[in-house]
Protein backbone atom coordinates (compact mmCIF):
# COMPACT_ATOMS: atom_id res chain seq x y z
CA MET A 1 -10.28 2.97 0.21
CA ARG A 2 -10.82 4.54 -3.33
CA HIS A 3 -10.36 7.92 -1.71
CA ASP A 4 -12.69 10.64 -3.17
CA GLU A 5 -13.09 8.97 -6.54
CA SER A 6 -15.54 6.28 -7.27
CA VAL A 7 -15.03 4.04 -10.03
CA PRO A 8 -17.96 2.05 -11.77
CA PRO A 9 -17.29 -1.62 -11.13
CA ALA A 10 -16.20 -3.62 -14.15
CA PRO A 11 -17.89 -7.07 -15.05
CA ARG A 12 -16.52 -9.66 -12.84
CA ARG A 13 -13.82 -11.88 -14.47
CA PRO A 14 -12.34 -15.24 -13.28
CA ALA A 15 -10.32 -13.76 -10.53
CA LEU A 16 -9.32 -17.18 -9.35
CA LEU A 17 -7.71 -17.96 -12.60
CA ALA A 18 -5.86 -14.65 -12.46
CA ALA A 19 -4.52 -15.63 -8.90
CA ALA A 20 -3.42 -18.98 -10.13
CA THR A 21 -1.45 -17.40 -12.99
CA LEU A 22 0.18 -14.93 -10.63
CA THR A 23 1.10 -17.72 -8.27
CA LEU A 24 2.63 -19.87 -11.17
CA LEU A 25 4.66 -16.77 -12.28
CA CYS A 26 5.68 -16.22 -8.64
CA LEU A 27 6.77 -19.84 -8.14
CA GLY A 28 8.33 -20.40 -11.70
CA LEU A 29 10.18 -17.06 -12.36
CA ALA A 30 13.63 -16.57 -10.97
CA GLY A 31 12.99 -12.79 -10.97
CA CYS A 32 10.38 -10.14 -11.26
CA GLY A 33 11.62 -8.08 -14.12
CA GLY A 34 14.52 -5.83 -14.82
CA ALA A 35 16.09 -3.09 -12.72
CA SER A 36 14.33 0.18 -12.47
CA ASP A 37 16.09 1.71 -15.44
CA THR A 38 14.59 -0.94 -17.68
CA ALA A 39 11.26 -1.34 -16.07
CA ARG A 40 8.27 -0.96 -18.38
CA SER A 41 6.20 2.10 -18.16
CA GLY A 42 2.63 1.78 -16.73
CA PRO A 43 -0.68 1.87 -18.21
CA GLY A 44 -2.40 5.28 -19.00
CA PRO A 45 -3.99 7.11 -16.20
CA ASP A 46 -7.41 5.76 -17.12
CA GLY A 47 -6.21 2.53 -15.30
CA SER A 48 -6.32 0.26 -18.48
CA ALA A 49 -5.02 -3.18 -18.06
CA ALA A 50 -1.37 -3.50 -17.19
CA SER A 51 1.19 -6.37 -17.23
CA SER A 52 0.51 -9.37 -15.08
CA PRO A 53 2.57 -9.14 -11.77
CA ALA A 54 5.48 -11.60 -11.32
CA SER A 55 7.53 -12.11 -8.23
CA ALA A 56 10.69 -13.44 -6.74
CA PRO A 57 11.15 -15.84 -3.90
CA ALA A 58 9.86 -14.54 -0.50
CA SER A 59 11.99 -13.62 2.31
CA SER A 60 11.86 -15.31 5.66
CA PRO A 61 8.84 -14.21 7.90
CA GLY A 62 9.52 -12.31 11.17
CA PRO A 63 7.64 -12.22 14.38
CA ALA A 64 4.01 -10.92 14.44
CA SER A 65 2.92 -7.76 16.13
CA PRO A 66 -0.17 -7.75 18.33
CA SER A 67 -3.59 -7.36 16.81
CA PRO A 68 -6.16 -4.78 17.85
CA ALA A 69 -9.59 -5.76 19.08
CA HIS A 70 -12.16 -5.47 16.22
CA THR A 71 -14.76 -3.30 17.98
CA GLY A 72 -14.56 -0.21 15.81
CA ARG A 73 -13.49 1.89 18.87
CA THR A 74 -10.74 4.49 18.53
CA PRO A 75 -7.47 2.75 19.61
CA SER A 76 -5.43 4.10 22.44
CA LYS A 77 -2.62 6.57 21.75
CA ALA A 78 0.63 4.85 20.89
CA PRO A 79 3.83 6.11 22.49
CA ALA A 80 5.86 6.41 19.39
CA SER A 81 6.40 9.58 17.49
CA PRO A 82 5.22 10.26 14.01
CA SER A 83 7.72 9.56 11.30
CA ALA A 84 10.26 8.34 13.84
CA SER A 85 12.97 6.18 12.48
CA ALA A 86 13.32 2.72 13.68
CA PRO A 87 16.70 0.89 13.02
CA GLY A 88 16.68 -2.51 11.77
CA THR A 89 19.32 -5.22 12.92
CA SER A 90 22.97 -4.56 12.45
CA SER A 91 23.12 -7.07 9.61
CA GLY A 92 20.59 -8.54 7.13
CA PRO A 93 19.58 -8.53 3.68
CA LEU A 94 18.08 -5.10 3.86
CA SER A 95 20.97 -3.51 5.93
CA GLY A 96 21.59 0.03 4.86
CA LYS A 97 18.06 0.28 3.15
CA THR A 98 15.41 2.72 4.32
CA VAL A 99 11.60 1.90 3.95
CA VAL A 100 8.82 4.31 4.68
CA ILE A 101 5.44 2.83 5.53
CA ASP A 102 2.49 5.02 5.26
CA PRO A 103 -0.60 3.76 7.31
CA GLY A 104 -3.63 5.17 5.40
CA HIS A 105 -5.79 7.70 7.26
CA ASN A 106 -6.17 8.17 10.85
CA PRO A 107 -8.61 6.61 13.29
CA ARG A 108 -9.56 10.19 14.62
CA ASN A 109 -9.84 11.87 11.28
CA HIS A 110 -13.72 11.71 11.62
CA LEU A 111 -13.46 14.03 14.60
CA HIS A 112 -11.54 16.60 12.55
CA THR A 113 -13.58 17.02 9.46
CA ALA A 114 -12.73 20.70 8.90
CA GLU A 115 -9.04 20.21 9.27
CA ILE A 116 -8.71 17.07 7.01
CA GLY A 117 -11.24 18.89 4.55
CA ARG A 118 -8.92 21.72 3.78
CA GLN A 119 -7.33 21.87 0.29
CA VAL A 120 -3.60 21.18 -0.23
CA ASP A 121 -1.56 21.35 -3.26
CA ILE A 122 -0.78 18.05 -5.06
CA GLY A 123 1.09 19.50 -7.84
CA THR A 124 -1.43 19.28 -10.75
CA THR A 125 -4.40 20.32 -8.58
CA HIS A 126 -5.72 20.62 -5.04
CA LYS A 127 -7.35 18.00 -2.94
CA GLU A 128 -8.40 17.39 0.66
CA CYS A 129 -5.72 17.14 3.34
CA ASP A 130 -6.95 13.56 4.01
CA THR A 131 -10.15 11.52 4.18
CA THR A 132 -11.76 9.42 7.12
CA GLY A 133 -11.35 6.09 5.24
CA THR A 134 -13.88 3.31 5.15
CA SER A 135 -14.79 0.57 7.51
CA THR A 136 -16.44 -2.88 7.45
CA ASN A 137 -20.06 -3.26 7.98
CA SER A 138 -19.48 -4.34 11.66
CA GLY A 139 -17.48 -1.05 12.33
CA TYR A 140 -13.72 -2.16 11.90
CA ALA A 141 -12.22 0.91 10.66
CA GLU A 142 -9.76 1.02 7.71
CA ALA A 143 -7.44 3.38 9.70
CA GLU A 144 -7.22 0.63 12.42
CA PHE A 145 -6.57 -1.99 9.87
CA THR A 146 -3.74 0.00 8.10
CA LEU A 147 -1.91 0.78 11.47
CA ASP A 148 -2.04 -2.91 12.56
CA VAL A 149 -0.67 -4.19 9.03
CA SER A 150 1.95 -1.44 9.13
CA HIS A 151 3.15 -2.41 12.56
CA ARG A 152 3.53 -5.99 11.41
CA LEU A 153 5.15 -4.94 8.27
CA ARG A 154 7.77 -2.76 10.18
CA THR A 155 8.73 -5.87 12.36
CA LEU A 156 9.29 -8.00 9.28
CA LEU A 157 11.47 -5.48 7.64
CA GLN A 158 13.42 -4.66 10.76
CA ALA A 159 14.22 -8.28 11.27
CA GLN A 160 15.81 -8.09 7.69
CA GLY A 161 18.04 -5.15 8.73
CA ALA A 162 15.87 -2.33 7.10
CA LYS A 163 15.54 1.16 8.70
CA VAL A 164 11.82 1.64 8.93
CA VAL A 165 9.96 5.08 9.04
CA LEU A 166 6.24 5.39 9.70
CA THR A 167 4.58 8.55 8.49
CA TYR A 168 2.57 8.56 11.72
CA ASP A 169 2.06 6.02 14.64
CA ASN A 170 -1.38 6.98 15.95
CA ASP A 171 0.02 9.82 17.99
CA ARG A 172 -1.60 12.82 16.29
CA PRO A 173 -5.20 13.90 16.37
CA PHE A 174 -5.66 13.75 12.66
CA GLY A 175 -3.81 13.34 9.32
CA PRO A 176 -0.94 13.82 8.34
CA CYS A 177 -2.11 15.48 5.09
CA VAL A 178 -1.38 13.69 1.69
CA ASP A 179 1.46 16.22 0.83
CA GLU A 180 3.17 15.71 4.24
CA ARG A 181 3.02 12.03 3.94
CA ALA A 182 4.86 12.42 0.57
CA ARG A 183 7.47 14.81 2.13
CA ILE A 184 8.09 12.28 4.89
CA GLY A 185 9.20 9.64 2.47
CA ASN A 186 11.25 12.11 0.34
CA LYS A 187 13.02 13.59 3.33
CA ALA A 188 13.95 10.15 4.59
CA GLY A 189 15.52 9.43 1.28
CA ALA A 190 13.49 6.10 1.24
CA ASP A 191 14.48 3.32 -1.08
CA ALA A 192 10.92 2.20 -1.23
CA VAL A 193 7.51 3.62 0.21
CA VAL A 194 4.44 1.71 0.59
CA SER A 195 1.01 3.41 1.63
CA VAL A 196 -1.23 0.74 3.13
CA HIS A 197 -5.01 0.84 2.56
CA ALA A 198 -8.25 -1.16 2.13
CA ASP A 199 -10.98 -0.25 -0.28
CA GLY A 200 -14.63 0.71 0.21
CA SER A 201 -16.43 -0.53 -2.82
CA ALA A 202 -19.63 -2.37 -3.44
CA ALA A 203 -20.31 -5.85 -2.11
CA GLY A 204 -19.28 -8.41 -4.65
CA ASN A 205 -16.23 -6.46 -5.71
CA ARG A 206 -13.33 -8.34 -4.18
CA GLY A 207 -9.57 -8.75 -4.24
CA PHE A 208 -6.61 -6.50 -3.90
CA HIS A 209 -4.81 -3.97 -6.16
CA VAL A 210 -1.71 -2.04 -6.08
CA ILE A 211 -1.88 1.62 -7.29
CA LEU A 212 1.14 2.93 -9.36
CA PRO A 213 2.10 6.52 -10.03
CA ALA A 214 1.19 7.85 -13.49
CA SER A 215 3.57 10.06 -15.43
CA VAL A 216 2.73 13.51 -13.94
CA ARG A 217 4.50 16.83 -14.34
CA GLY A 218 2.99 20.07 -13.07
CA GLY A 219 3.58 22.43 -10.26
CA GLY A 220 5.49 20.51 -7.52
CA ALA A 221 4.77 17.22 -9.05
CA ASP A 222 7.23 15.34 -11.25
CA THR A 223 6.99 11.60 -11.22
CA SER A 224 9.15 11.07 -14.34
CA LYS A 225 12.05 9.37 -12.26
CA ILE A 226 9.85 7.27 -10.15
CA VAL A 227 7.29 5.77 -12.63
CA GLY A 228 9.64 2.85 -13.73
CA PRO A 229 10.97 1.86 -10.37
CA SER A 230 7.56 2.19 -8.72
CA ARG A 231 6.04 -0.12 -11.33
CA ASP A 232 8.88 -2.63 -10.52
CA LEU A 233 8.06 -2.23 -6.92
CA GLY A 234 4.34 -2.67 -7.22
CA THR A 235 4.58 -5.51 -9.61
CA ARG A 236 6.67 -7.42 -7.19
CA ILE A 237 4.32 -6.67 -4.24
CA ALA A 238 1.33 -7.81 -6.27
CA GLY A 239 2.91 -11.22 -7.23
CA LEU A 240 4.11 -11.93 -3.71
CA PHE A 241 0.90 -10.80 -2.02
CA VAL A 242 -0.89 -13.41 -3.96
CA ARG A 243 1.48 -16.07 -2.67
CA ALA A 244 1.45 -15.05 0.90
CA THR A 245 -2.30 -14.48 1.32
CA GLY A 246 -3.99 -16.64 -1.31
CA SER A 247 -6.17 -13.60 -2.27
CA ALA A 248 -6.89 -12.90 -5.96
CA PRO A 249 -6.29 -9.62 -7.72
CA SER A 250 -9.24 -7.21 -7.85
CA ASN A 251 -12.16 -8.26 -10.00
CA TYR A 252 -13.25 -4.64 -10.45
CA ILE A 253 -10.01 -2.64 -10.96
CA GLY A 254 -7.13 -3.24 -13.04
CA GLY A 255 -8.37 -5.99 -15.48
CA ASN A 256 -7.46 -8.77 -13.03
CA THR A 257 -3.75 -7.81 -13.09
CA GLY A 258 -3.76 -6.46 -9.63
CA LEU A 259 -2.24 -3.11 -10.80
CA ASP A 260 -3.89 0.15 -11.35
CA THR A 261 -2.20 3.51 -12.42
CA ARG A 262 -3.42 6.91 -11.21
CA LYS A 263 -2.60 10.44 -11.44
CA ASP A 264 -4.95 11.97 -8.96
CA LEU A 265 -3.26 10.89 -5.63
CA GLY A 266 -1.08 13.51 -3.90
CA GLY A 267 0.95 11.01 -1.96
CA LEU A 268 2.09 9.57 -5.40
CA ASN A 269 2.29 12.83 -7.36
CA LEU A 270 4.57 14.45 -4.89
CA SER A 271 6.91 11.58 -4.21
CA THR A 272 10.40 11.75 -5.47
CA VAL A 273 11.21 8.20 -4.40
CA PRO A 274 9.70 4.87 -5.55
CA LYS A 275 6.23 4.54 -3.97
CA VAL A 276 3.08 2.54 -4.35
CA PHE A 277 -0.33 2.21 -2.55
CA ILE A 278 -1.95 -1.21 -1.82
CA GLU A 279 -5.62 -1.73 -1.29
CA CYS A 280 -5.46 -4.93 0.55
CA GLY A 281 -9.09 -5.94 -0.05
CA ASN A 282 -12.64 -4.52 -0.10
CA MET A 283 -13.88 -3.83 3.43
CA ARG A 284 -17.50 -3.56 2.31
CA ASP A 285 -17.59 -7.08 0.89
CA PRO A 286 -18.44 -9.57 3.56
CA LYS A 287 -15.95 -12.28 2.25
CA ASP A 288 -13.08 -9.78 1.99
CA ALA A 289 -14.07 -8.22 5.38
CA ALA A 290 -13.79 -11.76 6.98
CA LEU A 291 -10.20 -11.87 5.81
CA LEU A 292 -9.35 -8.31 6.74
CA THR A 293 -10.61 -8.53 10.37
CA GLY A 294 -8.59 -11.75 11.03
CA ALA A 295 -5.13 -11.33 12.71
CA GLY A 296 -3.77 -14.34 10.97
CA TRP A 297 -4.71 -12.92 7.37
CA ARG A 298 -3.35 -9.45 8.31
CA GLN A 299 0.09 -11.17 9.24
CA LYS A 300 0.00 -12.81 5.79
CA ALA A 301 -0.86 -9.55 4.19
CA ALA A 302 2.15 -7.89 5.95
CA GLN A 303 4.31 -10.79 4.93
CA GLY A 304 3.34 -10.53 1.23
CA ILE A 305 4.05 -6.79 1.07
CA ALA A 306 7.42 -7.29 2.96
CA ASP A 307 8.44 -9.99 0.51
CA GLY A 308 7.66 -7.59 -2.49
CA ILE A 309 9.74 -4.80 -0.93
CA SER A 310 12.66 -7.19 -0.16
CA SER A 311 12.51 -8.49 -3.68
CA PHE A 312 12.53 -4.92 -5.10
CA LEU A 313 15.42 -3.78 -2.78
CA ASN A 314 17.47 -6.94 -3.43
CA GLY A 315 17.09 -6.48 -7.18
């Protein structure tokens, strides 16, 4: 979701045309831009238009993970420990790489409002530890969606040989806080971190967008070394997400580029490794919600994110 900041929706633009452009770029280009030391800097923190995402060839899909029931009930506790490392195969294109997946929110955050409401330092200011996230009108929670997509994404990346770390795996009562989520990626020395989310905007606002870190320096925050590689990572994910899912870039954020730059998210401000957020769609729009609640589409979403990560890590 859009966290604790609401953004006035921009006039709708031809999102399908933007999607077609992204797909043509994805299929027609041999690469997605230069290495991180030559990646273009992102747009300003006001979220002004960015360069259109391009992409490289997708990686081979892996097996799907089970899908939760769409009842809106709190899912049962999973046996895995938070931020536990999961090794990949002994060989593969991502062998030797570490990827951290950050499933947004926690299904039980709403039971711990005092704990998640406490302020934490995000470098330039203080913000809430975490938020409850959004849900579809039928009650399918964002936190359930993000965990399901993260499990599918983990399976795909492990099949390519990556070591995968989850910031949590549904085995804690709330959180983790946004500063801890960043620390987990930093401590792991991750080659890439992706925080999985879904938005909670007005009906009629549709599509996905990838959030990139702005150039921020203050207190414990210094994104100067990760702005370029994070933009490369986010651009590749955006282009390949279009190809895998058929979804268009957001028609209300990012000027139909599928990219948005922000300086107010602790998970990005405090990261010292390449990191992006992806808002996979708008849970409050009926058409987007129909996609997000479908297991088949969630597998496509995981594939698109995995393809983008693979493209970034393989250069």
